[in-house]
Amino acid sequence: MKAFVDPDLCIGCTQCAGLCPEVFTMEGTLAVALLGEIPAEAVPQAVDAAQACPVSAIQIEA
């Protein structure tokens, strides 16, 4: 699975980075997803972070 953050939608609320720092980080005022596959143990937290995004800027793809 891979995570993607749409920079045009992200409002920089930091919620994803707080919920799943293994996958999401802040670059300036916007969130970004780390490149590559989400580690298996971090998948549940990454999905939670995507669902918690107030503007639906995060996509998790298989």
N, C-alpha and C. Protein backbone atom coordinates (compact mmCIF):
# COMPACT_ATOMS: atom_id res chain seq x y z
N MET A 1 0.84 -1.18 0.00
CA MET A 1 0.00 0.00 0.00
C MET A 1 0.89 1.24 0.00
N LYS A 2 0.37 2.29 -0.64
CA LYS A 2 1.09 3.55 -0.69
C LYS A 2 0.13 4.68 -0.31
N ALA A 3 0.70 5.74 0.25
CA ALA A 3 -0.09 6.89 0.65
C ALA A 3 0.31 8.09 -0.21
N PHE A 4 -0.68 8.92 -0.51
CA PHE A 4 -0.47 10.13 -1.28
C PHE A 4 -1.23 11.28 -0.64
N VAL A 5 -0.59 12.45 -0.58
CA VAL A 5 -1.25 13.65 -0.07
C VAL A 5 -1.37 14.64 -1.23
N ASP A 6 -2.57 15.11 -1.49
CA ASP A 6 -2.80 16.09 -2.54
C ASP A 6 -2.43 17.48 -1.99
N PRO A 7 -1.34 18.06 -2.48
CA PRO A 7 -0.91 19.36 -1.95
C PRO A 7 -1.89 20.49 -2.24
N ASP A 8 -2.74 20.31 -3.24
CA ASP A 8 -3.74 21.34 -3.54
C ASP A 8 -4.90 21.33 -2.55
N LEU A 9 -5.09 20.20 -1.86
CA LEU A 9 -6.17 20.10 -0.88
C LEU A 9 -5.68 20.26 0.56
N CYS A 10 -4.44 19.88 0.82
CA CYS A 10 -3.91 19.89 2.19
C CYS A 10 -3.97 21.30 2.79
N ILE A 11 -4.45 21.37 4.03
CA ILE A 11 -4.52 22.65 4.74
C ILE A 11 -3.48 22.72 5.86
N GLY A 12 -2.64 21.70 5.98
CA GLY A 12 -1.56 21.71 6.96
C GLY A 12 -2.00 21.59 8.40
N CYS A 13 -3.04 20.84 8.65
CA CYS A 13 -3.57 20.72 10.02
C CYS A 13 -2.68 19.86 10.92
N THR A 14 -1.76 19.11 10.37
CA THR A 14 -0.80 18.23 11.06
C THR A 14 -1.41 16.97 11.67
N GLN A 15 -2.69 16.76 11.46
CA GLN A 15 -3.34 15.60 12.07
C GLN A 15 -2.75 14.28 11.60
N CYS A 16 -2.46 14.16 10.31
CA CYS A 16 -1.93 12.90 9.78
C CYS A 16 -0.54 12.61 10.34
N ALA A 17 0.30 13.63 10.40
CA ALA A 17 1.65 13.45 10.94
C ALA A 17 1.60 13.10 12.42
N GLY A 18 0.63 13.61 13.12
CA GLY A 18 0.47 13.27 14.53
C GLY A 18 -0.02 11.85 14.74
N LEU A 19 -0.93 11.39 13.86
CA LEU A 19 -1.48 10.05 13.99
C LEU A 19 -0.56 8.97 13.45
N CYS A 20 0.21 9.28 12.43
CA CYS A 20 1.04 8.26 11.79
C CYS A 20 2.36 8.87 11.29
N PRO A 21 3.26 9.20 12.21
CA PRO A 21 4.53 9.82 11.80
C PRO A 21 5.45 8.88 11.01
N GLU A 22 5.15 7.59 11.02
CA GLU A 22 5.94 6.65 10.22
C GLU A 22 5.71 6.85 8.73
N VAL A 23 4.56 7.44 8.37
CA VAL A 23 4.19 7.60 6.97
C VAL A 23 4.08 9.07 6.56
N PHE A 24 3.59 9.92 7.45
CA PHE A 24 3.33 11.32 7.10
C PHE A 24 4.26 12.25 7.87
N THR A 25 4.69 13.30 7.18
CA THR A 25 5.52 14.32 7.80
C THR A 25 5.11 15.67 7.24
N MET A 26 5.53 16.71 7.91
CA MET A 26 5.24 18.06 7.44
C MET A 26 6.46 18.61 6.72
N GLU A 27 6.23 19.20 5.57
CA GLU A 27 7.27 19.93 4.84
C GLU A 27 6.75 21.35 4.71
N GLY A 28 7.30 22.21 5.53
CA GLY A 28 6.77 23.56 5.60
C GLY A 28 5.39 23.51 6.23
N THR A 29 4.41 24.02 5.51
CA THR A 29 3.05 24.05 6.05
C THR A 29 2.15 22.96 5.50
N LEU A 30 2.72 22.05 4.68
CA LEU A 30 1.91 20.99 4.08
C LEU A 30 2.41 19.61 4.48
N ALA A 31 1.49 18.68 4.53
CA ALA A 31 1.83 17.29 4.81
C ALA A 31 2.30 16.60 3.54
N VAL A 32 3.19 15.65 3.72
CA VAL A 32 3.62 14.79 2.62
C VAL A 32 3.68 13.37 3.14
N ALA A 33 3.48 12.43 2.22
CA ALA A 33 3.60 11.02 2.55
C ALA A 33 4.99 10.56 2.16
N LEU A 34 5.58 9.72 2.99
CA LEU A 34 6.88 9.17 2.67
C LEU A 34 6.77 8.30 1.43
N LEU A 35 7.78 8.33 0.60
CA LEU A 35 7.76 7.57 -0.64
C LEU A 35 7.86 6.07 -0.36
N GLY A 36 7.28 5.29 -1.23
CA GLY A 36 7.39 3.84 -1.12
C GLY A 36 6.23 3.22 -0.38
N GLU A 37 6.40 1.95 -0.12
CA GLU A 37 5.36 1.16 0.53
C GLU A 37 5.21 1.54 2.01
N ILE A 38 3.96 1.55 2.46
CA ILE A 38 3.69 1.77 3.88
C ILE A 38 4.11 0.50 4.62
N PRO A 39 4.92 0.61 5.67
CA PRO A 39 5.26 -0.58 6.45
C PRO A 39 3.99 -1.26 6.97
N ALA A 40 3.95 -2.57 6.92
CA ALA A 40 2.74 -3.33 7.28
C ALA A 40 2.21 -2.95 8.65
N GLU A 41 3.11 -2.73 9.61
CA GLU A 41 2.66 -2.41 10.96
C GLU A 41 2.07 -1.00 11.06
N ALA A 42 2.31 -0.15 10.06
CA ALA A 42 1.80 1.22 10.08
C ALA A 42 0.53 1.40 9.26
N VAL A 43 0.09 0.37 8.55
CA VAL A 43 -1.09 0.49 7.69
C VAL A 43 -2.33 0.93 8.47
N PRO A 44 -2.66 0.33 9.61
CA PRO A 44 -3.87 0.77 10.32
C PRO A 44 -3.82 2.25 10.71
N GLN A 45 -2.67 2.73 11.16
CA GLN A 45 -2.55 4.13 11.54
C GLN A 45 -2.62 5.04 10.31
N ALA A 46 -2.05 4.61 9.19
CA ALA A 46 -2.11 5.40 7.96
C ALA A 46 -3.55 5.53 7.47
N VAL A 47 -4.30 4.46 7.55
CA VAL A 47 -5.71 4.49 7.15
C VAL A 47 -6.48 5.42 8.08
N ASP A 48 -6.22 5.32 9.39
CA ASP A 48 -6.87 6.22 10.36
C ASP A 48 -6.55 7.68 10.04
N ALA A 49 -5.30 7.95 9.70
CA ALA A 49 -4.89 9.32 9.38
C ALA A 49 -5.61 9.81 8.13
N ALA A 50 -5.73 8.96 7.12
CA ALA A 50 -6.43 9.34 5.90
C ALA A 50 -7.90 9.65 6.20
N GLN A 51 -8.52 8.84 7.02
CA GLN A 51 -9.92 9.04 7.36
C GLN A 51 -10.12 10.28 8.23
N ALA A 52 -9.10 10.65 9.00
CA ALA A 52 -9.19 11.80 9.89
C ALA A 52 -8.93 13.12 9.18
N CYS A 53 -8.40 13.08 7.97
CA CYS A 53 -8.08 14.31 7.25
C CYS A 53 -9.36 15.12 7.03
N PRO A 54 -9.40 16.37 7.53
CA PRO A 54 -10.64 17.14 7.44
C PRO A 54 -11.00 17.58 6.02
N VAL A 55 -10.04 17.51 5.09
CA VAL A 55 -10.32 17.93 3.71
C VAL A 55 -10.14 16.79 2.71
N SER A 56 -10.01 15.57 3.20
CA SER A 56 -9.87 14.37 2.36
C SER A 56 -8.73 14.50 1.35
N ALA A 57 -7.58 15.00 1.82
CA ALA A 57 -6.42 15.20 0.94
C ALA A 57 -5.56 13.96 0.82
N ILE A 58 -5.85 12.92 1.60
CA ILE A 58 -5.00 11.73 1.64
C ILE A 58 -5.68 10.56 0.96
N GLN A 59 -4.93 9.88 0.10
CA GLN A 59 -5.41 8.66 -0.54
C GLN A 59 -4.47 7.52 -0.17
N ILE A 60 -5.03 6.38 0.16
CA ILE A 60 -4.26 5.15 0.41
C ILE A 60 -4.62 4.19 -0.71
N GLU A 61 -3.60 3.74 -1.44
CA GLU A 61 -3.83 2.84 -2.57
C GLU A 61 -3.11 1.52 -2.37
N ALA A 62 -3.73 0.46 -2.82
CA ALA A 62 -3.14 -0.87 -2.71
C ALA A 62 -2.01 -1.04 -3.69
